[in-house]
N, C-alpha and C. Protein backbone atom coordinates (compact mmCIF):
# COMPACT_ATOMS: atom_id res chain seq x y z
N MET A 1 -8.92 -4.05 44.04
CA MET A 1 -8.95 -2.85 43.23
C MET A 1 -9.54 -1.73 44.07
N SER A 2 -8.92 -0.58 44.03
CA SER A 2 -9.40 0.54 44.83
C SER A 2 -10.70 1.07 44.25
N GLN A 3 -11.45 1.76 45.10
CA GLN A 3 -12.74 2.31 44.66
C GLN A 3 -12.54 3.38 43.58
N ILE A 4 -11.45 4.13 43.66
CA ILE A 4 -11.19 5.17 42.65
C ILE A 4 -10.94 4.52 41.29
N LYS A 5 -10.12 3.45 41.28
CA LYS A 5 -9.85 2.75 40.02
C LYS A 5 -11.14 2.15 39.46
N LEU A 6 -11.93 1.52 40.34
CA LEU A 6 -13.17 0.91 39.91
C LEU A 6 -14.12 1.96 39.34
N PHE A 7 -14.22 3.11 40.02
CA PHE A 7 -15.07 4.20 39.55
C PHE A 7 -14.58 4.71 38.19
N THR A 8 -13.27 4.90 38.06
CA THR A 8 -12.68 5.40 36.80
C THR A 8 -12.93 4.43 35.66
N LEU A 9 -12.71 3.14 35.90
CA LEU A 9 -12.95 2.14 34.86
C LEU A 9 -14.44 2.06 34.49
N SER A 10 -15.31 2.15 35.49
CA SER A 10 -16.75 2.12 35.22
C SER A 10 -17.17 3.33 34.40
N LEU A 11 -16.64 4.50 34.75
CA LEU A 11 -16.95 5.73 34.01
C LEU A 11 -16.44 5.62 32.57
N LEU A 12 -15.24 5.11 32.40
CA LEU A 12 -14.67 4.94 31.07
C LEU A 12 -15.53 3.98 30.24
N ALA A 13 -15.98 2.89 30.84
CA ALA A 13 -16.82 1.92 30.14
C ALA A 13 -18.14 2.57 29.71
N LEU A 14 -18.72 3.40 30.56
CA LEU A 14 -19.96 4.09 30.21
C LEU A 14 -19.75 5.07 29.05
N VAL A 15 -18.65 5.80 29.09
CA VAL A 15 -18.34 6.75 28.01
C VAL A 15 -18.17 6.02 26.69
N VAL A 16 -17.38 4.95 26.70
CA VAL A 16 -17.16 4.17 25.48
C VAL A 16 -18.47 3.59 24.98
N ALA A 17 -19.28 3.04 25.88
CA ALA A 17 -20.56 2.45 25.49
C ALA A 17 -21.50 3.51 24.92
N GLY A 18 -21.42 4.73 25.42
CA GLY A 18 -22.27 5.82 24.92
C GLY A 18 -21.81 6.36 23.59
N ILE A 19 -20.52 6.38 23.35
CA ILE A 19 -19.97 6.95 22.11
C ILE A 19 -20.05 5.96 20.96
N ALA A 20 -19.85 4.69 21.22
CA ALA A 20 -19.80 3.69 20.15
C ALA A 20 -21.01 3.73 19.23
N PRO A 21 -22.25 3.77 19.77
CA PRO A 21 -23.39 3.83 18.85
C PRO A 21 -23.41 5.11 18.01
N LEU A 22 -22.94 6.22 18.57
CA LEU A 22 -22.91 7.48 17.82
C LEU A 22 -21.93 7.39 16.66
N VAL A 23 -20.78 6.81 16.90
CA VAL A 23 -19.78 6.65 15.84
C VAL A 23 -20.32 5.72 14.76
N GLU A 24 -20.96 4.63 15.19
CA GLU A 24 -21.51 3.68 14.23
C GLU A 24 -22.62 4.32 13.41
N ALA A 25 -23.51 5.09 14.06
CA ALA A 25 -24.62 5.72 13.34
C ALA A 25 -24.12 6.76 12.36
N GLN A 26 -23.05 7.44 12.72
CA GLN A 26 -22.50 8.48 11.86
C GLN A 26 -21.98 7.90 10.55
N ASP A 27 -21.51 6.69 10.57
CA ASP A 27 -20.89 6.09 9.39
C ASP A 27 -21.71 4.89 8.90
N LYS A 28 -23.03 4.93 9.08
CA LYS A 28 -23.87 3.79 8.73
C LYS A 28 -24.12 3.78 7.23
N ARG A 29 -23.74 2.69 6.62
CA ARG A 29 -23.96 2.50 5.19
C ARG A 29 -24.82 1.26 5.01
N ASP A 30 -25.76 1.36 4.11
CA ASP A 30 -26.56 0.20 3.74
C ASP A 30 -26.09 -0.28 2.38
N THR A 31 -25.80 -1.55 2.29
CA THR A 31 -25.40 -2.12 1.01
C THR A 31 -26.66 -2.38 0.19
N LEU A 32 -26.70 -1.81 -0.99
CA LEU A 32 -27.83 -2.04 -1.89
C LEU A 32 -27.61 -3.28 -2.73
N GLY A 33 -26.36 -3.69 -2.83
CA GLY A 33 -26.04 -4.91 -3.56
C GLY A 33 -24.69 -4.86 -4.22
N SER A 34 -24.20 -6.04 -4.53
CA SER A 34 -22.97 -6.18 -5.32
C SER A 34 -23.40 -6.70 -6.68
N PHE A 35 -23.00 -5.99 -7.70
CA PHE A 35 -23.42 -6.29 -9.06
C PHE A 35 -22.18 -6.53 -9.91
N ARG A 36 -21.73 -7.76 -9.92
CA ARG A 36 -20.50 -8.17 -10.59
C ARG A 36 -19.33 -7.31 -10.13
N LYS A 37 -18.88 -6.36 -10.93
CA LYS A 37 -17.69 -5.57 -10.57
C LYS A 37 -18.01 -4.26 -9.85
N TRP A 38 -19.30 -3.99 -9.59
CA TRP A 38 -19.73 -2.74 -8.98
C TRP A 38 -20.53 -3.00 -7.71
N ASP A 39 -20.27 -2.22 -6.67
CA ASP A 39 -21.02 -2.28 -5.42
C ASP A 39 -21.85 -1.01 -5.30
N ALA A 40 -23.08 -1.14 -4.79
CA ALA A 40 -23.97 0.00 -4.61
C ALA A 40 -24.27 0.16 -3.13
N MET A 41 -24.23 1.42 -2.65
CA MET A 41 -24.42 1.72 -1.24
C MET A 41 -25.37 2.91 -1.06
N LYS A 42 -25.97 2.98 0.13
CA LYS A 42 -26.77 4.13 0.50
C LYS A 42 -26.34 4.55 1.90
N MET A 43 -26.25 5.85 2.12
CA MET A 43 -25.92 6.36 3.44
C MET A 43 -26.56 7.73 3.63
N ARG A 44 -26.49 8.22 4.87
CA ARG A 44 -26.97 9.57 5.17
C ARG A 44 -25.75 10.45 5.38
N ASP A 45 -25.77 11.59 4.72
CA ASP A 45 -24.67 12.54 4.83
C ASP A 45 -25.29 13.91 5.08
N SER A 46 -24.94 14.52 6.19
CA SER A 46 -25.50 15.82 6.57
C SER A 46 -27.03 15.77 6.60
N GLY A 47 -27.58 14.65 7.07
CA GLY A 47 -29.02 14.49 7.20
C GLY A 47 -29.75 14.20 5.90
N ALA A 48 -29.02 13.97 4.83
CA ALA A 48 -29.66 13.72 3.54
C ALA A 48 -29.19 12.38 2.97
N ASP A 49 -30.08 11.74 2.22
CA ASP A 49 -29.72 10.47 1.58
C ASP A 49 -28.68 10.70 0.49
N MET A 50 -27.77 9.75 0.40
CA MET A 50 -26.77 9.75 -0.65
C MET A 50 -26.57 8.31 -1.08
N CYS A 51 -26.66 8.05 -2.36
CA CYS A 51 -26.40 6.72 -2.89
C CYS A 51 -25.21 6.80 -3.83
N TYR A 52 -24.39 5.77 -3.78
CA TYR A 52 -23.25 5.76 -4.69
C TYR A 52 -22.91 4.33 -5.07
N MET A 53 -22.22 4.22 -6.19
CA MET A 53 -21.71 2.93 -6.64
C MET A 53 -20.22 3.09 -6.84
N ILE A 54 -19.49 2.00 -6.64
CA ILE A 54 -18.04 2.09 -6.65
C ILE A 54 -17.43 0.83 -7.26
N SER A 55 -16.30 1.03 -7.93
CA SER A 55 -15.55 -0.09 -8.47
C SER A 55 -14.07 0.25 -8.44
N THR A 56 -13.26 -0.78 -8.50
CA THR A 56 -11.80 -0.62 -8.57
C THR A 56 -11.32 -1.21 -9.89
N PRO A 57 -10.16 -0.78 -10.36
CA PRO A 57 -9.67 -1.29 -11.64
C PRO A 57 -9.41 -2.79 -11.60
N THR A 58 -9.64 -3.44 -12.73
CA THR A 58 -9.29 -4.86 -12.85
C THR A 58 -7.78 -4.99 -13.07
N ARG A 59 -7.18 -3.94 -13.63
CA ARG A 59 -5.72 -3.89 -13.78
C ARG A 59 -5.32 -2.44 -14.07
N TRP A 60 -4.03 -2.16 -13.85
CA TRP A 60 -3.52 -0.83 -14.17
C TRP A 60 -2.06 -0.92 -14.57
N SER A 61 -1.60 0.12 -15.26
CA SER A 61 -0.20 0.18 -15.67
C SER A 61 0.28 1.62 -15.57
N ALA A 62 1.60 1.78 -15.57
CA ALA A 62 2.21 3.12 -15.49
C ALA A 62 3.34 3.22 -16.50
N SER A 63 3.65 4.46 -16.88
CA SER A 63 4.68 4.70 -17.90
C SER A 63 6.10 4.47 -17.37
N ARG A 64 6.23 4.29 -16.07
CA ARG A 64 7.55 3.96 -15.52
C ARG A 64 7.38 2.90 -14.43
N LYS A 65 8.44 2.18 -14.15
CA LYS A 65 8.40 1.09 -13.15
C LYS A 65 8.47 1.66 -11.73
N GLY A 66 8.00 0.85 -10.79
CA GLY A 66 8.12 1.18 -9.38
C GLY A 66 7.16 2.25 -8.88
N VAL A 67 6.11 2.51 -9.62
CA VAL A 67 5.14 3.53 -9.23
C VAL A 67 4.32 3.01 -8.04
N ARG A 68 4.21 3.85 -7.02
CA ARG A 68 3.37 3.52 -5.86
C ARG A 68 2.15 4.44 -5.89
N ARG A 69 1.01 3.83 -5.66
CA ARG A 69 -0.23 4.59 -5.69
C ARG A 69 -1.05 4.30 -4.45
N GLY A 70 -1.89 5.26 -4.10
CA GLY A 70 -2.84 5.07 -3.02
C GLY A 70 -4.09 4.38 -3.57
N ASP A 71 -5.23 4.67 -2.95
CA ASP A 71 -6.49 4.07 -3.38
C ASP A 71 -6.83 4.51 -4.80
N ILE A 72 -7.37 3.58 -5.57
CA ILE A 72 -7.78 3.83 -6.95
C ILE A 72 -9.21 3.32 -7.08
N TYR A 73 -10.14 4.21 -7.46
CA TYR A 73 -11.52 3.77 -7.62
C TYR A 73 -12.31 4.77 -8.47
N PHE A 74 -13.50 4.33 -8.88
CA PHE A 74 -14.40 5.14 -9.69
C PHE A 74 -15.77 5.10 -9.01
N THR A 75 -16.41 6.25 -8.86
CA THR A 75 -17.73 6.30 -8.23
C THR A 75 -18.73 7.03 -9.11
N VAL A 76 -19.99 6.70 -8.89
CA VAL A 76 -21.12 7.44 -9.45
C VAL A 76 -22.04 7.70 -8.26
N THR A 77 -22.39 8.97 -8.04
CA THR A 77 -23.12 9.37 -6.84
C THR A 77 -24.40 10.11 -7.18
N SER A 78 -25.47 9.82 -6.41
CA SER A 78 -26.72 10.56 -6.52
C SER A 78 -27.08 11.10 -5.14
N ARG A 79 -27.39 12.41 -5.09
CA ARG A 79 -27.78 13.09 -3.85
C ARG A 79 -29.02 13.93 -4.16
N PRO A 80 -30.22 13.33 -4.03
CA PRO A 80 -31.45 14.01 -4.45
C PRO A 80 -31.68 15.37 -3.78
N ARG A 81 -31.34 15.49 -2.52
CA ARG A 81 -31.57 16.75 -1.81
C ARG A 81 -30.84 17.91 -2.49
N PHE A 82 -29.71 17.61 -3.11
CA PHE A 82 -28.91 18.63 -3.78
C PHE A 82 -29.09 18.58 -5.30
N LYS A 83 -30.10 17.81 -5.73
CA LYS A 83 -30.41 17.67 -7.17
C LYS A 83 -29.20 17.17 -7.98
N ILE A 84 -28.45 16.26 -7.37
CA ILE A 84 -27.30 15.64 -8.04
C ILE A 84 -27.69 14.21 -8.40
N LYS A 85 -27.56 13.89 -9.68
CA LYS A 85 -27.86 12.53 -10.14
C LYS A 85 -26.72 12.07 -11.04
N ASN A 86 -26.17 10.90 -10.72
CA ASN A 86 -25.13 10.27 -11.53
C ASN A 86 -23.87 11.12 -11.68
N GLN A 87 -23.43 11.73 -10.60
CA GLN A 87 -22.18 12.50 -10.65
C GLN A 87 -21.00 11.53 -10.61
N ILE A 88 -20.14 11.63 -11.61
CA ILE A 88 -19.02 10.70 -11.68
C ILE A 88 -17.78 11.33 -11.03
N ASN A 89 -16.92 10.44 -10.53
CA ASN A 89 -15.66 10.85 -9.92
C ASN A 89 -14.69 9.68 -10.01
N THR A 90 -13.45 9.99 -10.31
CA THR A 90 -12.42 8.96 -10.24
C THR A 90 -11.31 9.45 -9.34
N VAL A 91 -10.80 8.56 -8.52
CA VAL A 91 -9.65 8.83 -7.65
C VAL A 91 -8.53 7.94 -8.17
N VAL A 92 -7.38 8.56 -8.47
CA VAL A 92 -6.32 7.83 -9.18
C VAL A 92 -5.15 7.40 -8.30
N GLY A 93 -5.16 7.75 -7.02
CA GLY A 93 -4.12 7.24 -6.12
C GLY A 93 -2.85 8.06 -6.09
N TYR A 94 -2.88 9.27 -6.60
CA TYR A 94 -1.73 10.19 -6.56
C TYR A 94 -2.22 11.59 -6.90
N THR A 95 -1.36 12.59 -6.71
CA THR A 95 -1.70 13.97 -7.08
C THR A 95 -1.55 14.12 -8.59
N LEU A 96 -2.60 14.62 -9.20
CA LEU A 96 -2.60 14.81 -10.65
C LEU A 96 -1.84 16.07 -11.05
N LYS A 97 -1.32 16.06 -12.25
CA LYS A 97 -0.61 17.20 -12.81
C LYS A 97 -1.56 18.40 -12.88
N ALA A 98 -1.11 19.53 -12.37
CA ALA A 98 -1.94 20.74 -12.37
C ALA A 98 -2.35 21.10 -13.79
N GLY A 99 -3.62 21.42 -13.96
CA GLY A 99 -4.13 21.82 -15.27
C GLY A 99 -4.35 20.69 -16.25
N SER A 100 -4.08 19.45 -15.84
CA SER A 100 -4.26 18.32 -16.75
C SER A 100 -5.71 17.87 -16.78
N GLU A 101 -6.03 17.03 -17.73
CA GLU A 101 -7.34 16.40 -17.82
C GLU A 101 -7.15 14.89 -17.76
N VAL A 102 -8.15 14.22 -17.23
CA VAL A 102 -8.19 12.76 -17.26
C VAL A 102 -9.04 12.38 -18.47
N THR A 103 -8.61 11.37 -19.19
CA THR A 103 -9.35 10.89 -20.35
C THR A 103 -9.99 9.55 -20.02
N ILE A 104 -11.25 9.41 -20.37
CA ILE A 104 -11.97 8.15 -20.19
C ILE A 104 -12.39 7.66 -21.57
N SER A 105 -12.10 6.40 -21.83
CA SER A 105 -12.48 5.77 -23.09
C SER A 105 -13.37 4.57 -22.78
N ILE A 106 -14.51 4.51 -23.45
CA ILE A 106 -15.42 3.38 -23.28
C ILE A 106 -15.28 2.48 -24.51
N ASP A 107 -14.87 1.25 -24.29
CA ASP A 107 -14.69 0.26 -25.36
C ASP A 107 -13.79 0.78 -26.49
N GLY A 108 -12.86 1.67 -26.16
CA GLY A 108 -11.92 2.18 -27.15
C GLY A 108 -12.53 3.11 -28.18
N ARG A 109 -13.79 3.49 -27.99
CA ARG A 109 -14.47 4.32 -28.99
C ARG A 109 -14.85 5.69 -28.46
N LYS A 110 -15.63 5.74 -27.41
CA LYS A 110 -16.12 7.01 -26.88
C LYS A 110 -15.09 7.57 -25.92
N ASN A 111 -14.72 8.83 -26.11
CA ASN A 111 -13.76 9.48 -25.23
C ASN A 111 -14.41 10.66 -24.51
N PHE A 112 -14.07 10.79 -23.23
CA PHE A 112 -14.58 11.87 -22.40
C PHE A 112 -13.40 12.50 -21.67
N LYS A 113 -13.49 13.80 -21.41
CA LYS A 113 -12.46 14.52 -20.66
C LYS A 113 -13.04 14.96 -19.32
N LEU A 114 -12.23 14.81 -18.28
CA LEU A 114 -12.61 15.24 -16.94
C LEU A 114 -11.62 16.28 -16.45
N PHE A 115 -12.11 17.24 -15.64
CA PHE A 115 -11.19 18.19 -15.03
C PHE A 115 -10.61 17.56 -13.76
N THR A 116 -9.44 18.02 -13.36
CA THR A 116 -8.74 17.41 -12.23
C THR A 116 -8.54 18.41 -11.10
N GLU A 117 -8.47 17.86 -9.91
CA GLU A 117 -8.10 18.63 -8.72
C GLU A 117 -7.54 17.65 -7.71
N GLY A 118 -6.33 17.92 -7.24
CA GLY A 118 -5.70 17.01 -6.28
C GLY A 118 -5.52 15.64 -6.88
N GLY A 119 -6.15 14.64 -6.25
CA GLY A 119 -6.04 13.27 -6.73
C GLY A 119 -7.29 12.74 -7.38
N GLY A 120 -8.23 13.66 -7.73
CA GLY A 120 -9.49 13.22 -8.32
C GLY A 120 -9.83 13.95 -9.59
N ALA A 121 -10.85 13.44 -10.28
CA ALA A 121 -11.31 14.07 -11.52
C ALA A 121 -12.83 13.93 -11.61
N TRP A 122 -13.46 14.96 -12.22
CA TRP A 122 -14.91 15.03 -12.35
C TRP A 122 -15.28 15.52 -13.74
N ALA A 123 -16.52 15.26 -14.13
CA ALA A 123 -17.05 15.79 -15.39
C ALA A 123 -17.21 17.30 -15.26
N TYR A 124 -17.16 17.99 -16.37
CA TYR A 124 -17.27 19.44 -16.36
C TYR A 124 -18.67 19.93 -16.00
N ASP A 125 -19.70 19.17 -16.32
CA ASP A 125 -21.06 19.58 -15.96
C ASP A 125 -21.97 18.35 -15.92
N PRO A 126 -23.19 18.52 -15.37
CA PRO A 126 -24.10 17.37 -15.24
C PRO A 126 -24.45 16.69 -16.57
N ARG A 127 -24.49 17.44 -17.66
CA ARG A 127 -24.76 16.81 -18.96
C ARG A 127 -23.65 15.84 -19.32
N ASP A 128 -22.39 16.22 -19.04
CA ASP A 128 -21.27 15.31 -19.29
C ASP A 128 -21.36 14.07 -18.40
N ASP A 129 -21.77 14.27 -17.14
CA ASP A 129 -21.99 13.12 -16.25
C ASP A 129 -22.96 12.14 -16.90
N GLN A 130 -24.09 12.66 -17.36
CA GLN A 130 -25.13 11.80 -17.93
C GLN A 130 -24.67 11.13 -19.21
N ARG A 131 -23.95 11.84 -20.07
CA ARG A 131 -23.43 11.24 -21.30
C ARG A 131 -22.46 10.09 -20.98
N LEU A 132 -21.62 10.31 -19.99
CA LEU A 132 -20.66 9.27 -19.61
C LEU A 132 -21.38 8.06 -19.03
N VAL A 133 -22.35 8.29 -18.15
CA VAL A 133 -23.10 7.17 -17.56
C VAL A 133 -23.84 6.39 -18.65
N THR A 134 -24.43 7.09 -19.60
CA THR A 134 -25.12 6.41 -20.71
C THR A 134 -24.15 5.53 -21.50
N ALA A 135 -22.96 6.06 -21.79
CA ALA A 135 -21.95 5.28 -22.51
C ALA A 135 -21.48 4.08 -21.68
N MET A 136 -21.34 4.27 -20.36
CA MET A 136 -20.90 3.18 -19.50
C MET A 136 -21.94 2.06 -19.46
N LYS A 137 -23.21 2.43 -19.47
CA LYS A 137 -24.28 1.42 -19.48
C LYS A 137 -24.23 0.57 -20.74
N ALA A 138 -23.82 1.16 -21.84
CA ALA A 138 -23.78 0.44 -23.12
C ALA A 138 -22.44 -0.26 -23.36
N GLY A 139 -21.46 0.00 -22.49
CA GLY A 139 -20.12 -0.52 -22.73
C GLY A 139 -19.77 -1.77 -21.96
N ASN A 140 -18.58 -2.30 -22.27
CA ASN A 140 -18.04 -3.47 -21.58
C ASN A 140 -16.84 -3.13 -20.72
N SER A 141 -16.02 -2.18 -21.18
CA SER A 141 -14.84 -1.81 -20.39
C SER A 141 -14.58 -0.31 -20.52
N MET A 142 -13.88 0.20 -19.53
CA MET A 142 -13.56 1.62 -19.46
C MET A 142 -12.09 1.76 -19.13
N VAL A 143 -11.41 2.66 -19.82
CA VAL A 143 -10.01 2.94 -19.57
C VAL A 143 -9.88 4.39 -19.11
N VAL A 144 -9.26 4.58 -17.95
CA VAL A 144 -9.03 5.91 -17.39
C VAL A 144 -7.54 6.20 -17.50
N THR A 145 -7.20 7.27 -18.20
CA THR A 145 -5.80 7.65 -18.41
C THR A 145 -5.55 9.00 -17.75
N ALA A 146 -4.48 9.08 -16.95
CA ALA A 146 -4.18 10.30 -16.21
C ALA A 146 -2.67 10.50 -16.12
N THR A 147 -2.28 11.73 -15.75
CA THR A 147 -0.86 12.06 -15.60
C THR A 147 -0.62 12.65 -14.22
N SER A 148 0.38 12.11 -13.53
CA SER A 148 0.70 12.56 -12.18
C SER A 148 1.45 13.88 -12.20
N SER A 149 1.57 14.49 -11.03
CA SER A 149 2.32 15.74 -10.90
C SER A 149 3.79 15.54 -11.25
N ARG A 150 4.26 14.30 -11.23
CA ARG A 150 5.65 13.99 -11.60
C ARG A 150 5.79 13.63 -13.08
N GLY A 151 4.67 13.65 -13.80
CA GLY A 151 4.70 13.35 -15.23
C GLY A 151 4.49 11.90 -15.59
N THR A 152 4.23 11.06 -14.60
CA THR A 152 3.98 9.64 -14.87
C THR A 152 2.56 9.47 -15.40
N ARG A 153 2.43 8.76 -16.48
CA ARG A 153 1.12 8.49 -17.09
C ARG A 153 0.65 7.12 -16.61
N THR A 154 -0.60 7.06 -16.16
CA THR A 154 -1.18 5.79 -15.71
C THR A 154 -2.42 5.47 -16.52
N THR A 155 -2.69 4.18 -16.61
CA THR A 155 -3.87 3.68 -17.30
C THR A 155 -4.56 2.68 -16.38
N ASP A 156 -5.81 2.96 -16.04
CA ASP A 156 -6.61 2.08 -15.19
C ASP A 156 -7.72 1.48 -16.03
N VAL A 157 -7.86 0.16 -15.98
CA VAL A 157 -8.88 -0.53 -16.76
C VAL A 157 -9.97 -1.03 -15.81
N TYR A 158 -11.21 -0.65 -16.09
CA TYR A 158 -12.37 -1.05 -15.28
C TYR A 158 -13.30 -1.92 -16.11
N SER A 159 -13.88 -2.92 -15.48
CA SER A 159 -14.94 -3.69 -16.11
C SER A 159 -16.25 -2.94 -15.89
N LEU A 160 -17.10 -2.91 -16.88
CA LEU A 160 -18.42 -2.29 -16.74
C LEU A 160 -19.50 -3.36 -16.50
N SER A 161 -19.06 -4.58 -16.24
CA SER A 161 -19.98 -5.67 -15.93
C SER A 161 -20.70 -5.36 -14.61
N GLY A 162 -22.01 -5.28 -14.65
CA GLY A 162 -22.80 -4.96 -13.46
C GLY A 162 -23.08 -3.48 -13.29
N PHE A 163 -22.50 -2.64 -14.16
CA PHE A 163 -22.67 -1.19 -14.02
C PHE A 163 -24.14 -0.78 -14.08
N THR A 164 -24.86 -1.25 -15.09
CA THR A 164 -26.26 -0.85 -15.27
C THR A 164 -27.10 -1.25 -14.06
N ALA A 165 -26.93 -2.46 -13.57
CA ALA A 165 -27.71 -2.92 -12.41
C ALA A 165 -27.39 -2.09 -11.17
N ALA A 166 -26.12 -1.78 -10.94
CA ALA A 166 -25.74 -0.96 -9.79
C ALA A 166 -26.30 0.45 -9.94
N ASN A 167 -26.26 1.00 -11.14
CA ASN A 167 -26.79 2.34 -11.37
C ASN A 167 -28.30 2.38 -11.16
N ASN A 168 -28.98 1.36 -11.64
CA ASN A 168 -30.43 1.28 -11.40
C ASN A 168 -30.72 1.21 -9.90
N ALA A 169 -29.93 0.46 -9.16
CA ALA A 169 -30.14 0.32 -7.71
C ALA A 169 -29.98 1.65 -6.99
N ILE A 170 -28.94 2.41 -7.30
CA ILE A 170 -28.76 3.68 -6.58
C ILE A 170 -29.83 4.70 -6.96
N ASN A 171 -30.26 4.67 -8.21
CA ASN A 171 -31.26 5.66 -8.63
C ASN A 171 -32.68 5.28 -8.21
N ARG A 172 -32.92 4.01 -7.90
CA ARG A 172 -34.20 3.60 -7.31
C ARG A 172 -34.27 4.05 -5.86
N ARG A 173 -33.16 3.92 -5.13
CA ARG A 173 -33.15 4.23 -3.70
C ARG A 173 -32.97 5.70 -3.38
N CYS A 174 -32.38 6.46 -4.27
CA CYS A 174 -32.17 7.89 -4.06
C CYS A 174 -32.83 8.66 -5.20
N LYS A 175 -34.12 8.90 -5.05
CA LYS A 175 -34.88 9.60 -6.11
C LYS A 175 -34.98 11.07 -5.79
């Protein structure tokens, strides 16, 4: 092997070895625990602690056959530096119909409306976040109903088993 090739390979190895820890540190997440159907995590974002919990639907359905969707999940996030506690968000795996609302039903009784943007939906204000989290803690299942930009209606069913424990974990770690 020529000295130039050896030097180039050595330099490349040093660059990769130097960058790898930076990439890993940038995306470092600590698992706070798995609580039945919910996982709780802590990470640093922009130099500040952020804790979140996440779950995926146990099942879903659509108003027409052959629907393809991207990632589908529901999160609850706390970011103390920004005075955010229990901010809810759902990602439905497609672009939502402009101006539509997502409906959340807890145990078929309590209904909540979320505003939409792109492929996600959020509560209108922090009080709505807290009301929804309180209902989720008391519930067994949650149904998220949304309408795509093409008019397809989807229904995502989530288990709330482990929700309270995961929520307690994120709020203990991110005060």
